[in-house]
mmCIF file of all heavy atoms, coordinates in Angstrom:
data_MODEL
# 
_entry.id   MODEL 
# 
loop_
_atom_site.group_PDB 
_atom_site.id 
_atom_site.type_symbol 
_atom_site.label_atom_id 
_atom_site.label_alt_id 
_atom_site.label_comp_id 
_atom_site.label_asym_id 
_atom_site.label_entity_id 
_atom_site.label_seq_id 
_atom_site.pdbx_PDB_ins_code 
_atom_site.Cartn_x 
_atom_site.Cartn_y 
_atom_site.Cartn_z 
_atom_site.occupancy 
_atom_site.B_iso_or_equiv 
_atom_site.pdbx_formal_charge 
_atom_site.auth_seq_id 
_atom_site.auth_comp_id 
_atom_site.auth_asym_id 
_atom_site.auth_atom_id 
_atom_site.pdbx_PDB_model_num 
ATOM 1   N N   . PRO A 1 1  ? -9.729  -5.707  -2.979  1.00 0.00 ? 1  PRO A N   1 
ATOM 2   C CA  . PRO A 1 1  ? -9.436  -6.972  -3.748  1.00 0.00 ? 1  PRO A CA  1 
ATOM 3   C C   . PRO A 1 1  ? -9.512  -6.680  -5.251  1.00 0.00 ? 1  PRO A C   1 
ATOM 4   O O   . PRO A 1 1  ? -10.277 -5.783  -5.700  1.00 0.00 ? 1  PRO A O   1 
ATOM 5   C CB  . PRO A 1 1  ? -10.608 -7.850  -3.299  1.00 0.00 ? 1  PRO A CB  1 
ATOM 6   C CG  . PRO A 1 1  ? -11.768 -6.883  -3.024  1.00 0.00 ? 1  PRO A CG  1 
ATOM 7   C CD  . PRO A 1 1  ? -11.123 -5.702  -2.589  1.00 0.00 ? 1  PRO A CD  1 
ATOM 8   N N   . MET A 1 2  ? -8.767  -7.362  -6.062  1.00 0.00 ? 2  MET A N   1 
ATOM 9   C CA  . MET A 1 2  ? -8.832  -7.360  -7.399  1.00 0.00 ? 2  MET A CA  1 
ATOM 10  C C   . MET A 1 2  ? -8.539  -8.812  -8.001  1.00 0.00 ? 2  MET A C   1 
ATOM 11  O O   . MET A 1 2  ? -7.268  -9.127  -7.979  1.00 0.00 ? 2  MET A O   1 
ATOM 12  C CB  . MET A 1 2  ? -8.004  -6.309  -8.116  1.00 0.00 ? 2  MET A CB  1 
ATOM 13  C CG  . MET A 1 2  ? -8.308  -6.181  -9.580  1.00 0.00 ? 2  MET A CG  1 
ATOM 14  S SD  . MET A 1 2  ? -7.706  -4.648  -10.367 1.00 0.00 ? 2  MET A SD  1 
ATOM 15  C CE  . MET A 1 2  ? -8.501  -4.734  -11.952 1.00 0.00 ? 2  MET A CE  1 
ATOM 16  N N   . ASP A 1 3  ? -9.527  -9.534  -8.234  1.00 0.00 ? 3  ASP A N   1 
ATOM 17  C CA  . ASP A 1 3  ? -9.319  -10.967 -8.642  1.00 0.00 ? 3  ASP A CA  1 
ATOM 18  C C   . ASP A 1 3  ? -8.439  -11.640 -7.595  1.00 0.00 ? 3  ASP A C   1 
ATOM 19  O O   . ASP A 1 3  ? -8.865  -11.749 -6.461  1.00 0.00 ? 3  ASP A O   1 
ATOM 20  C CB  . ASP A 1 3  ? -8.712  -11.036 -10.038 1.00 0.00 ? 3  ASP A CB  1 
ATOM 21  C CG  . ASP A 1 3  ? -9.656  -10.444 -11.059 1.00 0.00 ? 3  ASP A CG  1 
ATOM 22  O OD1 . ASP A 1 3  ? -10.867 -10.180 -10.811 1.00 0.00 ? 3  ASP A OD1 1 
ATOM 23  O OD2 . ASP A 1 3  ? -9.270  -10.258 -12.216 1.00 0.00 ? 3  ASP A OD2 1 
ATOM 24  N N   . GLU A 1 4  ? -7.251  -12.140 -7.998  1.00 0.00 ? 4  GLU A N   1 
ATOM 25  C CA  . GLU A 1 4  ? -6.429  -12.952 -6.974  1.00 0.00 ? 4  GLU A CA  1 
ATOM 26  C C   . GLU A 1 4  ? -5.652  -12.103 -6.042  1.00 0.00 ? 4  GLU A C   1 
ATOM 27  O O   . GLU A 1 4  ? -5.027  -12.586 -5.101  1.00 0.00 ? 4  GLU A O   1 
ATOM 28  C CB  . GLU A 1 4  ? -5.485  -13.819 -7.746  1.00 0.00 ? 4  GLU A CB  1 
ATOM 29  C CG  . GLU A 1 4  ? -4.117  -13.125 -8.202  1.00 0.00 ? 4  GLU A CG  1 
ATOM 30  C CD  . GLU A 1 4  ? -4.133  -11.900 -9.112  1.00 0.00 ? 4  GLU A CD  1 
ATOM 31  O OE1 . GLU A 1 4  ? -5.248  -11.712 -9.690  1.00 0.00 ? 4  GLU A OE1 1 
ATOM 32  O OE2 . GLU A 1 4  ? -3.231  -11.176 -9.078  1.00 0.00 ? 4  GLU A OE2 1 
ATOM 33  N N   . THR A 1 5  ? -5.767  -10.794 -6.151  1.00 0.00 ? 5  THR A N   1 
ATOM 34  C CA  . THR A 1 5  ? -4.894  -9.834  -5.352  1.00 0.00 ? 5  THR A CA  1 
ATOM 35  C C   . THR A 1 5  ? -5.766  -9.199  -4.168  1.00 0.00 ? 5  THR A C   1 
ATOM 36  O O   . THR A 1 5  ? -6.958  -8.872  -4.382  1.00 0.00 ? 5  THR A O   1 
ATOM 37  C CB  . THR A 1 5  ? -4.369  -8.670  -6.205  1.00 0.00 ? 5  THR A CB  1 
ATOM 38  O OG1 . THR A 1 5  ? -3.494  -9.313  -7.166  1.00 0.00 ? 5  THR A OG1 1 
ATOM 39  C CG2 . THR A 1 5  ? -3.719  -7.658  -5.410  1.00 0.00 ? 5  THR A CG2 1 
ATOM 40  N N   . LEU A 1 6  ? -5.100  -9.020  -3.123  1.00 0.00 ? 6  LEU A N   1 
ATOM 41  C CA  . LEU A 1 6  ? -5.744  -8.240  -1.910  1.00 0.00 ? 6  LEU A CA  1 
ATOM 42  C C   . LEU A 1 6  ? -4.621  -7.280  -1.375  1.00 0.00 ? 6  LEU A C   1 
ATOM 43  O O   . LEU A 1 6  ? -3.578  -7.732  -0.986  1.00 0.00 ? 6  LEU A O   1 
ATOM 44  C CB  . LEU A 1 6  ? -6.252  -9.161  -0.880  1.00 0.00 ? 6  LEU A CB  1 
ATOM 45  C CG  . LEU A 1 6  ? -6.995  -8.478  0.290   1.00 0.00 ? 6  LEU A CG  1 
ATOM 46  C CD1 . LEU A 1 6  ? -8.179  -7.732  -0.226  1.00 0.00 ? 6  LEU A CD1 1 
ATOM 47  C CD2 . LEU A 1 6  ? -7.265  -9.497  1.389   1.00 0.00 ? 6  LEU A CD2 1 
ATOM 48  N N   . VAL A 1 7  ? -4.948  -5.995  -1.367  1.00 0.00 ? 7  VAL A N   1 
ATOM 49  C CA  . VAL A 1 7  ? -4.138  -4.965  -0.865  1.00 0.00 ? 7  VAL A CA  1 
ATOM 50  C C   . VAL A 1 7  ? -4.794  -4.290  0.340   1.00 0.00 ? 7  VAL A C   1 
ATOM 51  O O   . VAL A 1 7  ? -6.055  -3.940  0.181   1.00 0.00 ? 7  VAL A O   1 
ATOM 52  C CB  . VAL A 1 7  ? -3.656  -3.989  -1.883  1.00 0.00 ? 7  VAL A CB  1 
ATOM 53  C CG1 . VAL A 1 7  ? -2.943  -2.816  -1.305  1.00 0.00 ? 7  VAL A CG1 1 
ATOM 54  C CG2 . VAL A 1 7  ? -2.865  -4.659  -2.977  1.00 0.00 ? 7  VAL A CG2 1 
ATOM 55  N N   . ARG A 1 8  ? -4.125  -3.996  1.376   1.00 0.00 ? 8  ARG A N   1 
ATOM 56  C CA  . ARG A 1 8  ? -4.648  -3.317  2.543   1.00 0.00 ? 8  ARG A CA  1 
ATOM 57  C C   . ARG A 1 8  ? -3.978  -1.886  2.595   1.00 0.00 ? 8  ARG A C   1 
ATOM 58  O O   . ARG A 1 8  ? -2.737  -1.726  2.494   1.00 0.00 ? 8  ARG A O   1 
ATOM 59  C CB  . ARG A 1 8  ? -4.360  -4.000  3.817   1.00 0.00 ? 8  ARG A CB  1 
ATOM 60  C CG  . ARG A 1 8  ? -4.802  -3.262  5.099   1.00 0.00 ? 8  ARG A CG  1 
ATOM 61  C CD  . ARG A 1 8  ? -4.695  -3.991  6.413   1.00 0.00 ? 8  ARG A CD  1 
ATOM 62  N NE  . ARG A 1 8  ? -3.358  -4.701  6.536   1.00 0.00 ? 8  ARG A NE  1 
ATOM 63  C CZ  . ARG A 1 8  ? -3.239  -5.853  7.094   1.00 0.00 ? 8  ARG A CZ  1 
ATOM 64  N NH1 . ARG A 1 8  ? -4.211  -6.498  7.474   1.00 0.00 ? 8  ARG A NH1 1 
ATOM 65  N NH2 . ARG A 1 8  ? -1.960  -6.311  7.199   1.00 0.00 ? 8  ARG A NH2 1 
ATOM 66  N N   . VAL A 1 9  ? -4.830  -0.822  2.764   1.00 0.00 ? 9  VAL A N   1 
ATOM 67  C CA  . VAL A 1 9  ? -4.294  0.533   2.805   1.00 0.00 ? 9  VAL A CA  1 
ATOM 68  C C   . VAL A 1 9  ? -4.961  1.102   4.074   1.00 0.00 ? 9  VAL A C   1 
ATOM 69  O O   . VAL A 1 9  ? -6.151  1.072   4.282   1.00 0.00 ? 9  VAL A O   1 
ATOM 70  C CB  . VAL A 1 9  ? -4.742  1.337   1.585   1.00 0.00 ? 9  VAL A CB  1 
ATOM 71  C CG1 . VAL A 1 9  ? -4.208  2.772   1.745   1.00 0.00 ? 9  VAL A CG1 1 
ATOM 72  C CG2 . VAL A 1 9  ? -4.216  0.710   0.298   1.00 0.00 ? 9  VAL A CG2 1 
ATOM 73  N N   . VAL A 1 10 ? -4.024  1.718   4.933   1.00 0.00 ? 10 VAL A N   1 
ATOM 74  C CA  . VAL A 1 10 ? -4.447  2.353   6.144   1.00 0.00 ? 10 VAL A CA  1 
ATOM 75  C C   . VAL A 1 10 ? -3.712  3.681   6.217   1.00 0.00 ? 10 VAL A C   1 
ATOM 76  O O   . VAL A 1 10 ? -2.577  3.814   5.941   1.00 0.00 ? 10 VAL A O   1 
ATOM 77  C CB  . VAL A 1 10 ? -4.113  1.537   7.458   1.00 0.00 ? 10 VAL A CB  1 
ATOM 78  C CG1 . VAL A 1 10 ? -4.642  2.127   8.679   1.00 0.00 ? 10 VAL A CG1 1 
ATOM 79  C CG2 . VAL A 1 10 ? -4.565  0.075   7.319   1.00 0.00 ? 10 VAL A CG2 1 
ATOM 80  N N   . LEU A 1 11 ? -4.536  4.794   6.580   1.00 0.00 ? 11 LEU A N   1 
ATOM 81  C CA  . LEU A 1 11 ? -3.914  6.098   6.566   1.00 0.00 ? 11 LEU A CA  1 
ATOM 82  C C   . LEU A 1 11 ? -4.479  6.960   7.680   1.00 0.00 ? 11 LEU A C   1 
ATOM 83  O O   . LEU A 1 11 ? -5.548  6.713   8.194   1.00 0.00 ? 11 LEU A O   1 
ATOM 84  C CB  . LEU A 1 11 ? -4.032  6.769   5.226   1.00 0.00 ? 11 LEU A CB  1 
ATOM 85  C CG  . LEU A 1 11 ? -5.352  7.133   4.646   1.00 0.00 ? 11 LEU A CG  1 
ATOM 86  C CD1 . LEU A 1 11 ? -5.839  8.480   5.158   1.00 0.00 ? 11 LEU A CD1 1 
ATOM 87  C CD2 . LEU A 1 11 ? -5.372  7.251   3.157   1.00 0.00 ? 11 LEU A CD2 1 
ATOM 88  N N   . ASP A 1 12 ? -3.656  7.913   8.012   1.00 0.00 ? 12 ASP A N   1 
ATOM 89  C CA  . ASP A 1 12 ? -3.973  8.968   9.030   1.00 0.00 ? 12 ASP A CA  1 
ATOM 90  C C   . ASP A 1 12 ? -3.588  10.306  8.419   1.00 0.00 ? 12 ASP A C   1 
ATOM 91  O O   . ASP A 1 12 ? -2.439  10.495  8.044   1.00 0.00 ? 12 ASP A O   1 
ATOM 92  C CB  . ASP A 1 12 ? -3.238  8.579   10.345  1.00 0.00 ? 12 ASP A CB  1 
ATOM 93  C CG  . ASP A 1 12 ? -3.371  9.762   11.383  1.00 0.00 ? 12 ASP A CG  1 
ATOM 94  O OD1 . ASP A 1 12 ? -4.314  10.542  11.289  1.00 0.00 ? 12 ASP A OD1 1 
ATOM 95  O OD2 . ASP A 1 12 ? -2.604  9.671   12.340  1.00 0.00 ? 12 ASP A OD2 1 
ATOM 96  N N   . ILE A 1 13 ? -4.499  11.184  8.314   1.00 0.00 ? 13 ILE A N   1 
ATOM 97  C CA  . ILE A 1 13 ? -4.189  12.610  7.843   1.00 0.00 ? 13 ILE A CA  1 
ATOM 98  C C   . ILE A 1 13 ? -3.637  13.320  9.056   1.00 0.00 ? 13 ILE A C   1 
ATOM 99  O O   . ILE A 1 13 ? -4.356  14.079  9.686   1.00 0.00 ? 13 ILE A O   1 
ATOM 100 C CB  . ILE A 1 13 ? -5.427  13.308  7.246   1.00 0.00 ? 13 ILE A CB  1 
ATOM 101 C CG1 . ILE A 1 13 ? -5.948  12.431  6.108   1.00 0.00 ? 13 ILE A CG1 1 
ATOM 102 C CG2 . ILE A 1 13 ? -4.996  14.712  6.792   1.00 0.00 ? 13 ILE A CG2 1 
ATOM 103 C CD1 . ILE A 1 13 ? -7.318  13.025  5.475   1.00 0.00 ? 13 ILE A CD1 1 
ATOM 104 N N   . SER A 1 14 ? -2.461  12.957  9.452   1.00 0.00 ? 14 SER A N   1 
ATOM 105 C CA  . SER A 1 14 ? -1.847  13.375  10.712  1.00 0.00 ? 14 SER A CA  1 
ATOM 106 C C   . SER A 1 14 ? -1.044  14.602  10.683  1.00 0.00 ? 14 SER A C   1 
ATOM 107 O O   . SER A 1 14 ? -0.768  15.240  11.706  1.00 0.00 ? 14 SER A O   1 
ATOM 108 C CB  . SER A 1 14 ? -0.959  12.230  11.197  1.00 0.00 ? 14 SER A CB  1 
ATOM 109 O OG  . SER A 1 14 ? 0.159   12.062  10.211  1.00 0.00 ? 14 SER A OG  1 
ATOM 110 N N   . GLY A 1 15 ? -0.629  15.009  9.433   1.00 0.00 ? 15 GLY A N   1 
ATOM 111 C CA  . GLY A 1 15 ? 0.320   16.122  9.285   1.00 0.00 ? 15 GLY A CA  1 
ATOM 112 C C   . GLY A 1 15 ? 1.678   15.717  9.519   1.00 0.00 ? 15 GLY A C   1 
ATOM 113 O O   . GLY A 1 15 ? 2.678   16.441  9.348   1.00 0.00 ? 15 GLY A O   1 
ATOM 114 N N   . ARG A 1 16 ? 1.892   14.362  9.785   1.00 0.00 ? 16 ARG A N   1 
ATOM 115 C CA  . ARG A 1 16 ? 3.266   13.805  9.976   1.00 0.00 ? 16 ARG A CA  1 
ATOM 116 C C   . ARG A 1 16 ? 3.499   12.797  8.812   1.00 0.00 ? 16 ARG A C   1 
ATOM 117 O O   . ARG A 1 16 ? 2.988   11.626  8.922   1.00 0.00 ? 16 ARG A O   1 
ATOM 118 C CB  . ARG A 1 16 ? 3.389   13.094  11.357  1.00 0.00 ? 16 ARG A CB  1 
ATOM 119 C CG  . ARG A 1 16 ? 3.238   14.112  12.457  1.00 0.00 ? 16 ARG A CG  1 
ATOM 120 C CD  . ARG A 1 16 ? 3.511   13.373  13.854  1.00 0.00 ? 16 ARG A CD  1 
ATOM 121 N NE  . ARG A 1 16 ? 2.699   12.248  13.958  1.00 0.00 ? 16 ARG A NE  1 
ATOM 122 C CZ  . ARG A 1 16 ? 1.357   12.234  14.441  1.00 0.00 ? 16 ARG A CZ  1 
ATOM 123 N NH1 . ARG A 1 16 ? 0.766   13.374  14.661  1.00 0.00 ? 16 ARG A NH1 1 
ATOM 124 N NH2 . ARG A 1 16 ? 0.688   11.059  14.560  1.00 0.00 ? 16 ARG A NH2 1 
ATOM 125 N N   . PRO A 1 17 ? 4.071   13.138  7.759   1.00 0.00 ? 17 PRO A N   1 
ATOM 126 C CA  . PRO A 1 17 ? 4.157   12.335  6.536   1.00 0.00 ? 17 PRO A CA  1 
ATOM 127 C C   . PRO A 1 17 ? 5.105   11.139  6.815   1.00 0.00 ? 17 PRO A C   1 
ATOM 128 O O   . PRO A 1 17 ? 6.236   11.227  7.287   1.00 0.00 ? 17 PRO A O   1 
ATOM 129 C CB  . PRO A 1 17 ? 4.754   13.194  5.455   1.00 0.00 ? 17 PRO A CB  1 
ATOM 130 C CG  . PRO A 1 17 ? 5.366   14.366  6.202   1.00 0.00 ? 17 PRO A CG  1 
ATOM 131 C CD  . PRO A 1 17 ? 4.653   14.525  7.508   1.00 0.00 ? 17 PRO A CD  1 
ATOM 132 N N   . TYR A 1 18 ? 4.609   9.927   6.408   1.00 0.00 ? 18 TYR A N   1 
ATOM 133 C CA  . TYR A 1 18 ? 5.373   8.722   6.505   1.00 0.00 ? 18 TYR A CA  1 
ATOM 134 C C   . TYR A 1 18 ? 4.729   7.749   5.566   1.00 0.00 ? 18 TYR A C   1 
ATOM 135 O O   . TYR A 1 18 ? 3.558   7.579   5.583   1.00 0.00 ? 18 TYR A O   1 
ATOM 136 C CB  . TYR A 1 18 ? 5.449   8.270   7.947   1.00 0.00 ? 18 TYR A CB  1 
ATOM 137 C CG  . TYR A 1 18 ? 6.534   7.229   8.195   1.00 0.00 ? 18 TYR A CG  1 
ATOM 138 C CD1 . TYR A 1 18 ? 7.744   7.739   8.694   1.00 0.00 ? 18 TYR A CD1 1 
ATOM 139 C CD2 . TYR A 1 18 ? 6.391   5.807   7.981   1.00 0.00 ? 18 TYR A CD2 1 
ATOM 140 C CE1 . TYR A 1 18 ? 8.800   6.903   8.946   1.00 0.00 ? 18 TYR A CE1 1 
ATOM 141 C CE2 . TYR A 1 18 ? 7.526   5.052   8.138   1.00 0.00 ? 18 TYR A CE2 1 
ATOM 142 C CZ  . TYR A 1 18 ? 8.677   5.527   8.736   1.00 0.00 ? 18 TYR A CZ  1 
ATOM 143 O OH  . TYR A 1 18 ? 9.715   4.708   8.992   1.00 0.00 ? 18 TYR A OH  1 
ATOM 144 N N   . LEU A 1 19 ? 5.567   6.908   4.853   1.00 0.00 ? 19 LEU A N   1 
ATOM 145 C CA  . LEU A 1 19 ? 5.076   5.886   4.011   1.00 0.00 ? 19 LEU A CA  1 
ATOM 146 C C   . LEU A 1 19 ? 5.636   4.599   4.341   1.00 0.00 ? 19 LEU A C   1 
ATOM 147 O O   . LEU A 1 19 ? 6.865   4.504   4.405   1.00 0.00 ? 19 LEU A O   1 
ATOM 148 C CB  . LEU A 1 19 ? 5.391   6.182   2.516   1.00 0.00 ? 19 LEU A CB  1 
ATOM 149 C CG  . LEU A 1 19 ? 4.975   5.062   1.580   1.00 0.00 ? 19 LEU A CG  1 
ATOM 150 C CD1 . LEU A 1 19 ? 3.448   4.904   1.435   1.00 0.00 ? 19 LEU A CD1 1 
ATOM 151 C CD2 . LEU A 1 19 ? 5.536   5.270   0.135   1.00 0.00 ? 19 LEU A CD2 1 
ATOM 152 N N   . VAL A 1 20 ? 4.830   3.637   4.564   1.00 0.00 ? 20 VAL A N   1 
ATOM 153 C CA  . VAL A 1 20 ? 5.358   2.238   4.661   1.00 0.00 ? 20 VAL A CA  1 
ATOM 154 C C   . VAL A 1 20 ? 4.766   1.518   3.512   1.00 0.00 ? 20 VAL A C   1 
ATOM 155 O O   . VAL A 1 20 ? 3.566   1.455   3.335   1.00 0.00 ? 20 VAL A O   1 
ATOM 156 C CB  . VAL A 1 20 ? 4.774   1.488   5.989   1.00 0.00 ? 20 VAL A CB  1 
ATOM 157 C CG1 . VAL A 1 20 ? 5.172   -0.027  5.988   1.00 0.00 ? 20 VAL A CG1 1 
ATOM 158 C CG2 . VAL A 1 20 ? 5.373   2.205   7.235   1.00 0.00 ? 20 VAL A CG2 1 
ATOM 159 N N   . TRP A 1 21 ? 5.598   1.023   2.689   1.00 0.00 ? 21 TRP A N   1 
ATOM 160 C CA  . TRP A 1 21 ? 5.302   0.390   1.395   1.00 0.00 ? 21 TRP A CA  1 
ATOM 161 C C   . TRP A 1 21 ? 5.764   -1.029  1.359   1.00 0.00 ? 21 TRP A C   1 
ATOM 162 O O   . TRP A 1 21 ? 6.899   -1.398  1.285   1.00 0.00 ? 21 TRP A O   1 
ATOM 163 C CB  . TRP A 1 21 ? 5.986   1.225   0.253   1.00 0.00 ? 21 TRP A CB  1 
ATOM 164 C CG  . TRP A 1 21 ? 5.726   0.723   -1.171  1.00 0.00 ? 21 TRP A CG  1 
ATOM 165 C CD1 . TRP A 1 21 ? 6.495   -0.121  -1.902  1.00 0.00 ? 21 TRP A CD1 1 
ATOM 166 C CD2 . TRP A 1 21 ? 4.566   1.013   -1.993  1.00 0.00 ? 21 TRP A CD2 1 
ATOM 167 N NE1 . TRP A 1 21 ? 5.976   -0.299  -3.066  1.00 0.00 ? 21 TRP A NE1 1 
ATOM 168 C CE2 . TRP A 1 21 ? 4.701   0.264   -3.180  1.00 0.00 ? 21 TRP A CE2 1 
ATOM 169 C CE3 . TRP A 1 21 ? 3.343   1.641   -1.738  1.00 0.00 ? 21 TRP A CE3 1 
ATOM 170 C CZ2 . TRP A 1 21 ? 3.759   0.374   -4.246  1.00 0.00 ? 21 TRP A CZ2 1 
ATOM 171 C CZ3 . TRP A 1 21 ? 2.452   1.681   -2.753  1.00 0.00 ? 21 TRP A CZ3 1 
ATOM 172 C CH2 . TRP A 1 21 ? 2.615   1.082   -3.979  1.00 0.00 ? 21 TRP A CH2 1 
ATOM 173 N N   . LYS A 1 22 ? 4.805   -1.953  1.403   1.00 0.00 ? 22 LYS A N   1 
ATOM 174 C CA  . LYS A 1 22 ? 5.092   -3.412  1.388   1.00 0.00 ? 22 LYS A CA  1 
ATOM 175 C C   . LYS A 1 22 ? 4.377   -4.018  0.234   1.00 0.00 ? 22 LYS A C   1 
ATOM 176 O O   . LYS A 1 22 ? 3.367   -4.778  0.385   1.00 0.00 ? 22 LYS A O   1 
ATOM 177 C CB  . LYS A 1 22 ? 4.718   -4.036  2.691   1.00 0.00 ? 22 LYS A CB  1 
ATOM 178 C CG  . LYS A 1 22 ? 5.456   -3.472  3.949   1.00 0.00 ? 22 LYS A CG  1 
ATOM 179 C CD  . LYS A 1 22 ? 5.562   -4.436  5.023   1.00 0.00 ? 22 LYS A CD  1 
ATOM 180 C CE  . LYS A 1 22 ? 6.421   -3.778  6.163   1.00 0.00 ? 22 LYS A CE  1 
ATOM 181 N NZ  . LYS A 1 22 ? 7.871   -4.076  6.026   1.00 0.00 ? 22 LYS A NZ  1 
ATOM 182 N N   . VAL A 1 23 ? 4.837   -3.682  -0.990  1.00 0.00 ? 23 VAL A N   1 
ATOM 183 C CA  . VAL A 1 23 ? 4.257   -4.138  -2.216  1.00 0.00 ? 23 VAL A CA  1 
ATOM 184 C C   . VAL A 1 23 ? 5.428   -4.586  -3.048  1.00 0.00 ? 23 VAL A C   1 
ATOM 185 O O   . VAL A 1 23 ? 6.424   -3.934  -3.221  1.00 0.00 ? 23 VAL A O   1 
ATOM 186 C CB  . VAL A 1 23 ? 3.471   -3.012  -2.956  1.00 0.00 ? 23 VAL A CB  1 
ATOM 187 C CG1 . VAL A 1 23 ? 2.934   -3.407  -4.262  1.00 0.00 ? 23 VAL A CG1 1 
ATOM 188 C CG2 . VAL A 1 23 ? 2.337   -2.486  -2.018  1.00 0.00 ? 23 VAL A CG2 1 
ATOM 189 N N   . ARG A 1 24 ? 5.094   -5.721  -3.841  1.00 0.00 ? 24 ARG A N   1 
ATOM 190 C CA  . ARG A 1 24 ? 6.196   -6.246  -4.670  1.00 0.00 ? 24 ARG A CA  1 
ATOM 191 C C   . ARG A 1 24 ? 5.641   -6.330  -6.176  1.00 0.00 ? 24 ARG A C   1 
ATOM 192 O O   . ARG A 1 24 ? 4.607   -6.820  -6.347  1.00 0.00 ? 24 ARG A O   1 
ATOM 193 C CB  . ARG A 1 24 ? 6.542   -7.717  -4.261  1.00 0.00 ? 24 ARG A CB  1 
ATOM 194 C CG  . ARG A 1 24 ? 7.077   -7.811  -2.859  1.00 0.00 ? 24 ARG A CG  1 
ATOM 195 C CD  . ARG A 1 24 ? 7.167   -9.262  -2.503  1.00 0.00 ? 24 ARG A CD  1 
ATOM 196 N NE  . ARG A 1 24 ? 6.037   -10.072 -2.619  1.00 0.00 ? 24 ARG A NE  1 
ATOM 197 C CZ  . ARG A 1 24 ? 4.926   -10.091 -1.876  1.00 0.00 ? 24 ARG A CZ  1 
ATOM 198 N NH1 . ARG A 1 24 ? 4.844   -9.219  -0.915  1.00 0.00 ? 24 ARG A NH1 1 
ATOM 199 N NH2 . ARG A 1 24 ? 3.917   -10.768 -2.187  1.00 0.00 ? 24 ARG A NH2 1 
ATOM 200 N N   . PHE A 1 25 ? 6.489   -5.888  -7.090  1.00 0.00 ? 25 PHE A N   1 
ATOM 201 C CA  . PHE A 1 25 ? 6.212   -5.963  -8.466  1.00 0.00 ? 25 PHE A CA  1 
ATOM 202 C C   . PHE A 1 25 ? 7.327   -6.862  -9.066  1.00 0.00 ? 25 PHE A C   1 
ATOM 203 O O   . PHE A 1 25 ? 8.478   -6.829  -8.685  1.00 0.00 ? 25 PHE A O   1 
ATOM 204 C CB  . PHE A 1 25 ? 6.280   -4.661  -9.186  1.00 0.00 ? 25 PHE A CB  1 
ATOM 205 C CG  . PHE A 1 25 ? 5.228   -3.742  -8.756  1.00 0.00 ? 25 PHE A CG  1 
ATOM 206 C CD1 . PHE A 1 25 ? 5.373   -2.635  -8.043  1.00 0.00 ? 25 PHE A CD1 1 
ATOM 207 C CD2 . PHE A 1 25 ? 3.816   -4.062  -9.115  1.00 0.00 ? 25 PHE A CD2 1 
ATOM 208 C CE1 . PHE A 1 25 ? 4.333   -1.737  -7.633  1.00 0.00 ? 25 PHE A CE1 1 
ATOM 209 C CE2 . PHE A 1 25 ? 2.848   -3.186  -8.739  1.00 0.00 ? 25 PHE A CE2 1 
ATOM 210 C CZ  . PHE A 1 25 ? 3.028   -2.055  -8.050  1.00 0.00 ? 25 PHE A CZ  1 
ATOM 211 N N   . THR A 1 26 ? 6.816   -7.790  -9.967  1.00 0.00 ? 26 THR A N   1 
ATOM 212 C CA  . THR A 1 26 ? 7.756   -8.726  -10.568 1.00 0.00 ? 26 THR A CA  1 
ATOM 213 C C   . THR A 1 26 ? 8.052   -8.374  -12.054 1.00 0.00 ? 26 THR A C   1 
ATOM 214 O O   . THR A 1 26 ? 8.652   -9.214  -12.741 1.00 0.00 ? 26 THR A O   1 
ATOM 215 C CB  . THR A 1 26 ? 7.184   -10.175 -10.450 1.00 0.00 ? 26 THR A CB  1 
ATOM 216 O OG1 . THR A 1 26 ? 5.898   -10.182 -11.109 1.00 0.00 ? 26 THR A OG1 1 
ATOM 217 C CG2 . THR A 1 26 ? 6.989   -10.588 -9.011  1.00 0.00 ? 26 THR A CG2 1 
ATOM 218 N N   . GLN A 1 27 ? 7.638   -7.223  -12.545 1.00 0.00 ? 27 GLN A N   1 
ATOM 219 C CA  . GLN A 1 27 ? 7.959   -6.788  -13.870 1.00 0.00 ? 27 GLN A CA  1 
ATOM 220 C C   . GLN A 1 27 ? 8.410   -5.374  -13.814 1.00 0.00 ? 27 GLN A C   1 
ATOM 221 O O   . GLN A 1 27 ? 7.986   -4.608  -12.803 1.00 0.00 ? 27 GLN A O   1 
ATOM 222 C CB  . GLN A 1 27 ? 6.919   -7.065  -14.826 1.00 0.00 ? 27 GLN A CB  1 
ATOM 223 C CG  . GLN A 1 27 ? 5.625   -6.358  -14.586 1.00 0.00 ? 27 GLN A CG  1 
ATOM 224 C CD  . GLN A 1 27 ? 4.507   -6.786  -15.471 1.00 0.00 ? 27 GLN A CD  1 
ATOM 225 O OE1 . GLN A 1 27 ? 4.052   -7.889  -15.424 1.00 0.00 ? 27 GLN A OE1 1 
ATOM 226 N NE2 . GLN A 1 27 ? 3.877   -5.892  -16.354 1.00 0.00 ? 27 GLN A NE2 1 
ATOM 227 N N   . ASP A 1 28 ? 9.232   -4.919  -14.732 1.00 0.00 ? 28 ASP A N   1 
ATOM 228 C CA  . ASP A 1 28 ? 9.780   -3.556  -14.720 1.00 0.00 ? 28 ASP A CA  1 
ATOM 229 C C   . ASP A 1 28 ? 8.811   -2.440  -15.146 1.00 0.00 ? 28 ASP A C   1 
ATOM 230 O O   . ASP A 1 28 ? 8.984   -1.341  -14.675 1.00 0.00 ? 28 ASP A O   1 
ATOM 231 C CB  . ASP A 1 28 ? 10.969  -3.495  -15.661 1.00 0.00 ? 28 ASP A CB  1 
ATOM 232 C CG  . ASP A 1 28 ? 12.133  -4.313  -15.220 1.00 0.00 ? 28 ASP A CG  1 
ATOM 233 O OD1 . ASP A 1 28 ? 12.176  -4.620  -13.952 1.00 0.00 ? 28 ASP A OD1 1 
ATOM 234 O OD2 . ASP A 1 28 ? 13.011  -4.797  -15.960 1.00 0.00 ? 28 ASP A OD2 1 
# 
């Protein structure tokens, strides 16, 4: 958490690289 924001991060040091990114930015 950071103030009004909450982000969940889950990972596995699997040796099988994969990124699922579900994050939105509203400024450049």
